[in-house]
C-alpha cells in the first residue's frame, strides 16, 4: 500500500515538474510526507515498503 502511494506521488510530482502544473504544492507536500514515513520505518528497523 505504501509503495503504491509513493509511486503515484513520484509520478504526479514529476508530471508537475514537466508541465509546470502543480495542485498548489499539494503533491510536493504529500511526497515529502511519504519520504518521511519511509525514513521513519527504515530507522525503526522495519521493512520500508
PDB file of N, CA and C in Angstrom:
ATOM      1  N   UNK A   1       0.826  -1.192   0.000  1.00  0.00           N
ATOM      2  CA  UNK A   1       0.000   0.000   0.000  1.00  0.00           C
ATOM      3  C   UNK A   1       0.869   1.253   0.000  1.00  0.00           C
ATOM      4  N   UNK A   2       1.845   1.301   0.899  1.00  0.00           N
ATOM      5  CA  UNK A   2       2.733   2.461   0.969  1.00  0.00           C
ATOM      6  C   UNK A   2       3.522   2.624  -0.327  1.00  0.00           C
ATOM      7  N   UNK A   3       3.983   1.515  -0.888  1.00  0.00           N
ATOM      8  CA  UNK A   3       4.736   1.554  -2.148  1.00  0.00           C
ATOM      9  C   UNK A   3       3.892   2.164  -3.259  1.00  0.00           C
ATOM     10  N   UNK A   4       2.621   1.814  -3.328  1.00  0.00           N
ATOM     11  CA  UNK A   4       1.722   2.354  -4.350  1.00  0.00           C
ATOM     12  C   UNK A   4       1.560   3.858  -4.184  1.00  0.00           C
ATOM     13  N   UNK A   5       1.374   4.304  -2.964  1.00  0.00           N
ATOM     14  CA  UNK A   5       1.212   5.730  -2.703  1.00  0.00           C
ATOM     15  C   UNK A   5       2.471   6.497  -3.097  1.00  0.00           C
ATOM     16  N   UNK A   6       3.626   5.976  -2.723  1.00  0.00           N
ATOM     17  CA  UNK A   6       4.894   6.628  -3.057  1.00  0.00           C
ATOM     18  C   UNK A   6       5.066   6.704  -4.567  1.00  0.00           C
ATOM     19  N   UNK A   7       4.779   5.608  -5.269  1.00  0.00           N
ATOM     20  CA  UNK A   7       4.938   5.588  -6.729  1.00  0.00           C
ATOM     21  C   UNK A   7       4.018   6.607  -7.402  1.00  0.00           C
ATOM     22  N   UNK A   8       2.769   6.664  -6.971  1.00  0.00           N
ATOM     23  CA  UNK A   8       1.821   7.623  -7.552  1.00  0.00           C
ATOM     24  C   UNK A   8       2.270   9.055  -7.284  1.00  0.00           C
ATOM     25  N   UNK A   9       2.716   9.333  -6.073  1.00  0.00           N
ATOM     26  CA  UNK A   9       3.163  10.680  -5.742  1.00  0.00           C
ATOM     27  C   UNK A   9       4.386  11.092  -6.547  1.00  0.00           C
ATOM     28  N   UNK A  10       5.322  10.170  -6.728  1.00  0.00           N
ATOM     29  CA  UNK A  10       6.518  10.483  -7.523  1.00  0.00           C
ATOM     30  C   UNK A  10       6.135  10.768  -8.972  1.00  0.00           C
ATOM     31  N   UNK A  11       5.254   9.963  -9.534  1.00  0.00           N
ATOM     32  CA  UNK A  11       4.816  10.176 -10.917  1.00  0.00           C
ATOM     33  C   UNK A  11       4.108  11.522 -11.057  1.00  0.00           C
ATOM     34  N   UNK A  12       3.202  11.838 -10.129  1.00  0.00           N
ATOM     35  CA  UNK A  12       2.499  13.113 -10.190  1.00  0.00           C
ATOM     36  C   UNK A  12       3.454  14.290  -9.982  1.00  0.00           C
ATOM     37  N   UNK A  13       4.443  14.105  -9.104  1.00  0.00           N
ATOM     38  CA  UNK A  13       5.419  15.158  -8.853  1.00  0.00           C
ATOM     39  C   UNK A  13       6.238  15.429 -10.108  1.00  0.00           C
ATOM     40  N   UNK A  14       6.713  14.358 -10.749  1.00  0.00           N
ATOM     41  CA  UNK A  14       7.481  14.530 -11.984  1.00  0.00           C
ATOM     42  C   UNK A  14       6.627  15.140 -13.080  1.00  0.00           C
ATOM     43  N   UNK A  15       5.375  14.723 -13.182  1.00  0.00           N
ATOM     44  CA  UNK A  15       4.459  15.305 -14.162  1.00  0.00           C
ATOM     45  C   UNK A  15       4.275  16.795 -13.892  1.00  0.00           C
ATOM     46  N   UNK A  16       4.176  17.161 -12.637  1.00  0.00           N
ATOM     47  CA  UNK A  16       4.050  18.569 -12.280  1.00  0.00           C
ATOM     48  C   UNK A  16       5.284  19.371 -12.640  1.00  0.00           C
ATOM     49  N   UNK A  17       6.467  18.777 -12.485  1.00  0.00           N
ATOM     50  CA  UNK A  17       7.695  19.473 -12.855  1.00  0.00           C
ATOM     51  C   UNK A  17       7.788  19.658 -14.367  1.00  0.00           C
ATOM     52  N   UNK A  18       7.363  18.649 -15.107  1.00  0.00           N
ATOM     53  CA  UNK A  18       7.453  18.700 -16.572  1.00  0.00           C
ATOM     54  C   UNK A  18       6.445  19.688 -17.143  1.00  0.00           C
ATOM     55  N   UNK A  19       5.228  19.685 -16.626  1.00  0.00           N
ATOM     56  CA  UNK A  19       4.170  20.517 -17.200  1.00  0.00           C
ATOM     57  C   UNK A  19       4.006  21.858 -16.488  1.00  0.00           C
ATOM     58  N   UNK A  20       4.813  22.095 -15.446  1.00  0.00           N
ATOM     59  CA  UNK A  20       4.708  23.316 -14.637  1.00  0.00           C
ATOM     60  C   UNK A  20       3.318  23.475 -14.036  1.00  0.00           C
ATOM     61  N   UNK A  21       2.633  22.383 -13.803  1.00  0.00           N
ATOM     62  CA  UNK A  21       1.313  22.429 -13.194  1.00  0.00           C
ATOM     63  C   UNK A  21       1.347  21.611 -11.915  1.00  0.00           C
ATOM     64  N   UNK A  22       1.159  22.268 -10.806  1.00  0.00           N
ATOM     65  CA  UNK A  22       1.052  21.547  -9.542  1.00  0.00           C
ATOM     66  C   UNK A  22      -0.228  21.974  -8.865  1.00  0.00           C
ATOM     67  N   UNK A  23      -0.760  21.134  -8.055  1.00  0.00           N
ATOM     68  CA  UNK A  23      -2.022  21.418  -7.362  1.00  0.00           C
ATOM     69  C   UNK A  23      -1.725  22.230  -6.103  1.00  0.00           C
ATOM     70  N   UNK A  24      -1.242  23.436  -6.299  1.00  0.00           N
ATOM     71  CA  UNK A  24      -0.956  24.314  -5.168  1.00  0.00           C
ATOM     72  C   UNK A  24       0.132  23.784  -4.258  1.00  0.00           C
ATOM     73  N   UNK A  25       1.035  22.994  -4.777  1.00  0.00           N
ATOM     74  CA  UNK A  25       2.109  22.448  -3.967  1.00  0.00           C
ATOM     75  C   UNK A  25       1.685  21.237  -3.165  1.00  0.00           C
ATOM     76  N   UNK A  26       0.439  20.799  -3.295  1.00  0.00           N
ATOM     77  CA  UNK A  26      -0.062  19.666  -2.523  1.00  0.00           C
ATOM     78  C   UNK A  26       0.738  18.397  -2.824  1.00  0.00           C
ATOM     79  N   UNK A  27       1.049  18.173  -4.083  1.00  0.00           N
ATOM     80  CA  UNK A  27       1.802  16.977  -4.465  1.00  0.00           C
ATOM     81  C   UNK A  27       3.170  16.989  -3.791  1.00  0.00           C
ATOM     82  N   UNK A  28       3.812  18.148  -3.738  1.00  0.00           N
ATOM     83  CA  UNK A  28       5.136  18.235  -3.128  1.00  0.00           C
ATOM     84  C   UNK A  28       5.060  17.946  -1.629  1.00  0.00           C
ATOM     85  N   UNK A  29       4.040  18.461  -0.983  1.00  0.00           N
ATOM     86  CA  UNK A  29       3.871  18.218   0.456  1.00  0.00           C
ATOM     87  C   UNK A  29       3.627  16.733   0.717  1.00  0.00           C
ATOM     88  N   UNK A  30       2.760  16.111  -0.077  1.00  0.00           N
ATOM     89  CA  UNK A  30       2.473  14.688   0.102  1.00  0.00           C
ATOM     90  C   UNK A  30       3.702  13.834  -0.175  1.00  0.00           C
ATOM     91  N   UNK A  31       4.506  14.232  -1.161  1.00  0.00           N
ATOM     92  CA  UNK A  31       5.728  13.493  -1.466  1.00  0.00           C
ATOM     93  C   UNK A  31       6.697  13.555  -0.296  1.00  0.00           C
ATOM     94  N   UNK A  32       6.852  14.719   0.295  1.00  0.00           N
ATOM     95  CA  UNK A  32       7.741  14.861   1.450  1.00  0.00           C
ATOM     96  C   UNK A  32       7.239  14.007   2.610  1.00  0.00           C
ATOM     97  N   UNK A  33       5.929  14.000   2.837  1.00  0.00           N
ATOM     98  CA  UNK A  33       5.356  13.178   3.910  1.00  0.00           C
ATOM     99  C   UNK A  33       5.632  11.698   3.653  1.00  0.00           C
ATOM    100  N   UNK A  34       5.467  11.259   2.407  1.00  0.00           N
ATOM    101  CA  UNK A  34       5.710   9.851   2.071  1.00  0.00           C
ATOM    102  C   UNK A  34       7.176   9.485   2.305  1.00  0.00           C
ATOM    103  N   UNK A  35       8.091  10.364   1.937  1.00  0.00           N
ATOM    104  CA  UNK A  35       9.520  10.089   2.141  1.00  0.00           C
ATOM    105  C   UNK A  35       9.840  10.024   3.632  1.00  0.00           C
ATOM    106  N   UNK A  36       9.246  10.913   4.417  1.00  0.00           N
ATOM    107  CA  UNK A  36       9.472  10.901   5.866  1.00  0.00           C
ATOM    108  C   UNK A  36       8.963   9.596   6.474  1.00  0.00           C
ATOM    109  N   UNK A  37       7.798   9.131   6.038  1.00  0.00           N
ATOM    110  CA  UNK A  37       7.247   7.875   6.557  1.00  0.00           C
ATOM    111  C   UNK A  37       8.185   6.710   6.246  1.00  0.00           C
ATOM    112  N   UNK A  38       8.697   6.668   5.025  1.00  0.00           N
ATOM    113  CA  UNK A  38       9.623   5.595   4.646  1.00  0.00           C
ATOM    114  C   UNK A  38      10.889   5.670   5.493  1.00  0.00           C
ATOM    115  N   UNK A  39      11.430   6.862   5.691  1.00  0.00           N
ATOM    116  CA  UNK A  39      12.643   7.009   6.501  1.00  0.00           C
ATOM    117  C   UNK A  39      12.403   6.588   7.944  1.00  0.00           C
ATOM    118  N   UNK A  40      11.267   6.937   8.506  1.00  0.00           N
ATOM    119  CA  UNK A  40      10.952   6.525   9.880  1.00  0.00           C
ATOM    120  C   UNK A  40      10.883   5.011   9.984  1.00  0.00           C
ATOM    121  N   UNK A  41      10.274   4.364   8.990  1.00  0.00           N
ATOM    122  CA  UNK A  41      10.181   2.904   9.017  1.00  0.00           C
ATOM    123  C   UNK A  41      11.566   2.260   8.906  1.00  0.00           C
ATOM    124  N   UNK A  42      12.451   2.842   8.104  1.00  0.00           N
ATOM    125  CA  UNK A  42      13.819   2.313   7.975  1.00  0.00           C
ATOM    126  C   UNK A  42      14.568   2.476   9.288  1.00  0.00           C
ATOM    127  N   UNK A  43      14.451   3.656   9.896  1.00  0.00           N
ATOM    128  CA  UNK A  43      15.132   3.902  11.165  1.00  0.00           C
ATOM    129  C   UNK A  43      14.650   2.960  12.257  1.00  0.00           C
ATOM    130  N   UNK A  44      13.354   2.636  12.246  1.00  0.00           N
ATOM    131  CA  UNK A  44      12.804   1.731  13.253  1.00  0.00           C
ATOM    132  C   UNK A  44      13.158   0.277  12.968  1.00  0.00           C
ATOM    133  N   UNK A  45      13.764   0.002  11.829  1.00  0.00           N
ATOM    134  CA  UNK A  45      14.190  -1.345  11.505  1.00  0.00           C
ATOM    135  C   UNK A  45      13.134  -2.178  10.833  1.00  0.00           C
ATOM    136  N   UNK A  46      12.067  -1.567  10.370  1.00  0.00           N
ATOM    137  CA  UNK A  46      11.017  -2.300   9.667  1.00  0.00           C
ATOM    138  C   UNK A  46      11.312  -2.317   8.179  1.00  0.00           C
ATOM    139  N   UNK A  47      10.579  -3.180   7.475  1.00  0.00           N
ATOM    140  CA  UNK A  47      10.681  -3.196   6.027  1.00  0.00           C
ATOM    141  C   UNK A  47      10.084  -1.898   5.491  1.00  0.00           C
ATOM    142  N   UNK A  48      10.833  -1.107   4.709  1.00  0.00           N
ATOM    143  CA  UNK A  48      10.369   0.220   4.343  1.00  0.00           C
ATOM    144  C   UNK A  48       9.158   0.252   3.434  1.00  0.00           C
ATOM    145  N   UNK A  49       9.069  -0.642   2.468  1.00  0.00           N
ATOM    146  CA  UNK A  49       7.953  -0.586   1.526  1.00  0.00           C
ATOM    147  C   UNK A  49       7.247  -1.918   1.425  1.00  0.00           C
TER     148      UNK A  49
END
